[in-house]
C-alpha atoms as a PDB file:
ATOM      1  CA  MET A   1     122.804 128.673  58.047  1.00  0.00           C
ATOM      2  CA  ASP A   2     124.839 127.105  55.227  1.00  0.00           C
ATOM      3  CA  ASN A   3     122.707 127.503  51.998  1.00  0.00           C
ATOM      4  CA  GLU A   4     123.608 123.840  51.247  1.00  0.00           C
ATOM      5  CA  VAL A   5     122.175 122.913  54.111  1.00  0.00           C
ATOM      6  CA  GLN A   6     118.149 121.621  53.984  1.00  0.00           C
ATOM      7  CA  LEU A   7     115.695 123.365  56.552  1.00  0.00           C
ATOM      8  CA  HIS A   8     114.713 119.686  57.639  1.00  0.00           C
ATOM      9  CA  GLU A   9     117.911 118.760  58.353  1.00  0.00           C
ATOM     10  CA  PHE A  10     118.664 121.897  60.073  1.00  0.00           C
ATOM     11  CA  PHE A  11     115.136 121.624  62.344  1.00  0.00           C
ATOM     12  CA  GLU A  12     116.171 117.972  63.074  1.00  0.00           C
ATOM     13  CA  LYS A  13     119.555 118.714  64.599  1.00  0.00           C
ATOM     14  CA  LEU A  14     118.165 121.704  66.554  1.00  0.00           C
ATOM     15  CA  ALA A  15     115.445 119.344  67.962  1.00  0.00           C
ATOM     16  CA  LYS A  16     117.648 117.284  69.013  1.00  0.00           C
ATOM     17  CA  ILE A  17     119.618 119.906  71.327  1.00  0.00           C
ATOM     18  CA  LYS A  18     118.797 118.953  74.638  1.00  0.00           C
ATOM     19  CA  THR A  19     118.196 122.548  76.269  1.00  0.00           C
ATOM     20  CA  ALA A  20     116.753 126.211  75.511  1.00  0.00           C
ATOM     21  CA  VAL A  21     119.727 127.954  75.748  1.00  0.00           C
ATOM     22  CA  LYS A  22     121.828 125.604  73.743  1.00  0.00           C
ATOM     23  CA  LYS A  23     119.139 125.837  70.749  1.00  0.00           C
ATOM     24  CA  LYS A  24     119.376 129.561  70.947  1.00  0.00           C
ATOM     25  CA  GLU A  25     122.813 129.617  70.545  1.00  0.00           C
ATOM     26  CA  PHE A  26     122.620 127.108  67.872  1.00  0.00           C
ATOM     27  CA  LEU A  27     119.813 129.467  65.978  1.00  0.00           C
ATOM     28  CA  LEU A  28     122.143 132.633  66.422  1.00  0.00           C
ATOM     29  CA  GLU A  29     125.576 130.548  64.908  1.00  0.00           C
ATOM     30  CA  ASN A  30     123.306 129.624  62.269  1.00  0.00           C
ATOM     31  CA  GLU A  31     121.986 133.108  61.927  1.00  0.00           C
ATOM     32  CA  SER A  32     120.809 133.828  57.667  1.00  0.00           C
ATOM     33  CA  ARG A  33     118.549 135.805  55.714  1.00  0.00           C
ATOM     34  CA  GLN A  34     116.855 132.263  54.326  1.00  0.00           C
ATOM     35  CA  LEU A  35     116.237 130.650  58.017  1.00  0.00           C
ATOM     36  CA  LYS A  36     115.091 134.412  59.401  1.00  0.00           C
ATOM     37  CA  THR A  37     112.512 134.450  56.214  1.00  0.00           C
ATOM     38  CA  PHE A  38     111.317 131.137  56.847  1.00  0.00           C
ATOM     39  CA  LEU A  39     110.927 131.394  60.781  1.00  0.00           C
ATOM     40  CA  LYS A  40     109.099 135.072  60.502  1.00  0.00           C
ATOM     41  CA  GLY A  41     106.611 132.934  57.375  1.00  0.00           C
ATOM     42  CA  ALA A  42     105.834 130.639  59.981  1.00  0.00           C
ATOM     43  CA  PHE A  43     105.641 132.287  63.418  1.00  0.00           C
ATOM     44  CA  ASP A  44     105.078 135.793  62.474  1.00  0.00           C
ATOM     45  CA  LYS A  45     100.782 136.094  62.841  1.00  0.00           C
ATOM     46  CA  SER A  46     101.130 139.230  61.235  1.00  0.00           C
ATOM     47  CA  LEU A  47     102.749 138.125  58.264  1.00  0.00           C
ATOM     48  CA  GLU A  48     100.004 136.345  55.824  1.00  0.00           C
ATOM     49  CA  PHE A  49      99.811 134.167  53.168  1.00  0.00           C
ATOM     50  CA  ASN A  50      97.518 135.226  49.748  1.00  0.00           C
ATOM     51  CA  LEU A  51      97.575 130.948  49.185  1.00  0.00           C
ATOM     52  CA  PRO A  52      94.538 128.472  50.677  1.00  0.00           C
ATOM     53  CA  LYS A  53      95.049 126.111  53.698  1.00  0.00           C
ATOM     54  CA  GLY A  54      96.302 122.846  53.507  1.00  0.00           C
ATOM     55  CA  SER A  55      98.543 120.870  50.905  1.00  0.00           C
ATOM     56  CA  PRO A  56      97.823 122.217  47.008  1.00  0.00           C
ATOM     57  CA  PRO A  57      97.774 119.041  44.303  1.00  0.00           C
ATOM     58  CA  TYR A  58     101.467 119.149  43.725  1.00  0.00           C
ATOM     59  CA  THR A  59     103.742 116.188  42.500  1.00  0.00           C
ATOM     60  CA  PRO A  60     106.789 115.837  45.023  1.00  0.00           C
ATOM     61  CA  ASN A  61     109.919 116.015  43.461  1.00  0.00           C
ATOM     62  CA  LYS A  62     112.208 112.816  44.524  1.00  0.00           C
ATOM     63  CA  GLU A  63     115.164 113.491  42.619  1.00  0.00           C
ATOM     64  CA  SER A  64     115.614 117.451  43.611  1.00  0.00           C
ATOM     65  CA  LYS A  65     118.422 118.161  46.138  1.00  0.00           C
ATOM     66  CA  LEU A  66     117.104 122.058  46.286  1.00  0.00           C
ATOM     67  CA  GLY A  67     116.292 123.233  49.762  1.00  0.00           C
ATOM     68  CA  PHE A  68     114.305 126.780  50.569  1.00  0.00           C
ATOM     69  CA  GLY A  69     117.332 128.784  50.143  1.00  0.00           C
ATOM     70  CA  SER A  70     116.959 127.944  46.582  1.00  0.00           C
ATOM     71  CA  VAL A  71     113.115 129.328  46.390  1.00  0.00           C
ATOM     72  CA  SER A  72     113.042 131.626  49.200  1.00  0.00           C
ATOM     73  CA  SER A  73     113.103 134.744  46.606  1.00  0.00           C
ATOM     74  CA  GLU A  74     109.663 133.692  45.646  1.00  0.00           C
ATOM     75  CA  TYR A  75     108.244 134.406  48.938  1.00  0.00           C
ATOM     76  CA  ARG A  76     107.541 137.819  47.512  1.00  0.00           C
ATOM     77  CA  TYR A  77     104.752 136.157  45.341  1.00  0.00           C
ATOM     78  CA  PHE A  78     102.868 134.274  48.286  1.00  0.00           C
ATOM     79  CA  ALA A  79     102.940 137.131  51.399  1.00  0.00           C
ATOM     80  CA  LYS A  80     100.427 139.760  51.738  1.00  0.00           C
ATOM     81  CA  GLY A  81     101.754 143.105  50.886  1.00  0.00           C
ATOM     82  CA  TYR A  82     104.283 142.128  48.183  1.00  0.00           C
ATOM     83  CA  GLU A  83     104.314 141.419  44.448  1.00  0.00           C
ATOM     84  CA  GLY A  84     102.063 138.694  44.423  1.00  0.00           C
ATOM     85  CA  ASP A  85      98.986 140.338  45.741  1.00  0.00           C
ATOM     86  CA  ALA A  86      98.728 141.686  41.882  1.00  0.00           C
ATOM     87  CA  LEU A  87      98.483 138.402  40.451  1.00  0.00           C
ATOM     88  CA  GLN A  88      95.483 136.361  39.974  1.00  0.00           C
ATOM     89  CA  ALA A  89      94.631 133.749  42.636  1.00  0.00           C
ATOM     90  CA  SER A  90      95.351 131.308  40.376  1.00  0.00           C
ATOM     91  CA  VAL A  91      98.105 132.334  38.865  1.00  0.00           C
ATOM     92  CA  ARG A  92     100.021 132.667  42.438  1.00  0.00           C
ATOM     93  CA  GLU A  93      98.556 129.171  43.655  1.00  0.00           C
ATOM     94  CA  LEU A  94     100.405 127.658  40.408  1.00  0.00           C
ATOM     95  CA  LYS A  95     103.711 129.678  41.221  1.00  0.00           C
ATOM     96  CA  PHE A  96     103.727 127.737  44.743  1.00  0.00           C
ATOM     97  CA  ILE A  97     103.078 124.780  42.942  1.00  0.00           C
ATOM     98  CA  LYS A  98     105.648 125.245  41.116  1.00  0.00           C
ATOM     99  CA  VAL A  99     107.916 126.208  44.053  1.00  0.00           C
ATOM    100  CA  LEU A 100     106.776 122.778  46.014  1.00  0.00           C
ATOM    101  CA  GLU A 101     108.045 120.436  43.118  1.00  0.00           C
ATOM    102  CA  LYS A 102     111.434 122.080  42.536  1.00  0.00           C
ATOM    103  CA  VAL A 103     112.677 121.397  46.273  1.00  0.00           C
ATOM    104  CA  THR A 104     112.603 117.899  48.041  1.00  0.00           C
ATOM    105  CA  PRO A 105     109.393 116.480  49.135  1.00  0.00           C
ATOM    106  CA  GLU A 106     110.995 117.545  53.182  1.00  0.00           C
ATOM    107  CA  GLU A 107     111.020 121.143  51.787  1.00  0.00           C
ATOM    108  CA  ALA A 108     108.053 121.399  50.300  1.00  0.00           C
ATOM    109  CA  GLU A 109     106.604 119.499  53.496  1.00  0.00           C
ATOM    110  CA  LEU A 110     107.950 122.663  55.611  1.00  0.00           C
ATOM    111  CA  LEU A 111     107.088 125.342  52.883  1.00  0.00           C
ATOM    112  CA  ILE A 112     103.685 124.172  53.575  1.00  0.00           C
ATOM    113  CA  LEU A 113     103.878 124.122  57.064  1.00  0.00           C
ATOM    114  CA  MET A 114     105.289 127.600  57.659  1.00  0.00           C
ATOM    115  CA  LYS A 115     102.305 128.959  54.918  1.00  0.00           C
ATOM    116  CA  ASP A 116      99.666 127.683  57.207  1.00  0.00           C
ATOM    117  CA  LYS A 117     101.436 128.474  60.237  1.00  0.00           C
ATOM    118  CA  LYS A 118     102.189 125.038  62.006  1.00  0.00           C
ATOM    119  CA  LEU A 119     105.430 124.819  62.204  1.00  0.00           C
ATOM    120  CA  THR A 120     105.047 124.117  66.363  1.00  0.00           C
ATOM    121  CA  GLY A 121     104.829 120.484  67.312  1.00  0.00           C
ATOM    122  CA  LYS A 122     107.160 119.550  63.875  1.00  0.00           C
ATOM    123  CA  TYR A 123     110.181 119.700  65.527  1.00  0.00           C
ATOM    124  CA  LYS A 124     110.879 119.175  69.439  1.00  0.00           C
ATOM    125  CA  GLY A 125     111.483 122.623  71.247  1.00  0.00           C
ATOM    126  CA  VAL A 126     111.199 124.968  67.658  1.00  0.00           C
ATOM    127  CA  THR A 127     108.790 127.373  69.218  1.00  0.00           C
ATOM    128  CA  LEU A 128     107.693 130.542  68.789  1.00  0.00           C
ATOM    129  CA  LYS A 129     109.101 131.671  72.086  1.00  0.00           C
ATOM    130  CA  LEU A 130     112.718 129.785  71.181  1.00  0.00           C
ATOM    131  CA  VAL A 131     112.600 132.106  67.660  1.00  0.00           C
ATOM    132  CA  SER A 132     111.822 135.465  70.025  1.00  0.00           C
ATOM    133  CA  ASP A 133     114.293 134.296  72.466  1.00  0.00           C
ATOM    134  CA  ALA A 134     116.788 134.628  69.640  1.00  0.00           C
ATOM    135  CA  PHE A 135     115.492 137.063  67.167  1.00  0.00           C
ATOM    136  CA  PRO A 136     113.769 139.251  69.241  1.00  0.00           C
ATOM    137  CA  THR A 137     113.244 142.198  66.707  1.00  0.00           C
ATOM    138  CA  LEU A 138     111.831 139.479  63.986  1.00  0.00           C
ATOM    139  CA  ILE A 139     108.152 138.796  65.269  1.00  0.00           C
ATOM    140  CA  GLN A 140     105.876 141.552  65.515  1.00  0.00           C
ATOM    141  CA  LYS A 141     104.127 141.154  68.482  1.00  0.00           C
END
């Protein structure tokens, strides 16, 4: 996946593809660390986030052109078992709000869906099965 492409644009293109085979091909053709990091966060139930469910109070940044790739390195502060475990909950939550305010409103919405494991249904055909078929070792069973 091109670092310049926003995840929401990528998933919109993926949703328009008619067959599961072609969707899988599209995922494989656009494989990147950022894409796999996002998909693991969205679908792997063994990966939990140290953040409250739902949308925190933040101000969407309508001027931003930044996508998930620009903030994917911040992931380690929010997923359980990483550096963020040592942070106080309020500090970690403020970091998350800053991330949401750094990216486009569409990307912020996707980050919240990822965190809450609620991406399924947002884009047609973007499912755990599709991700597991494309990247068999990505999601722990």
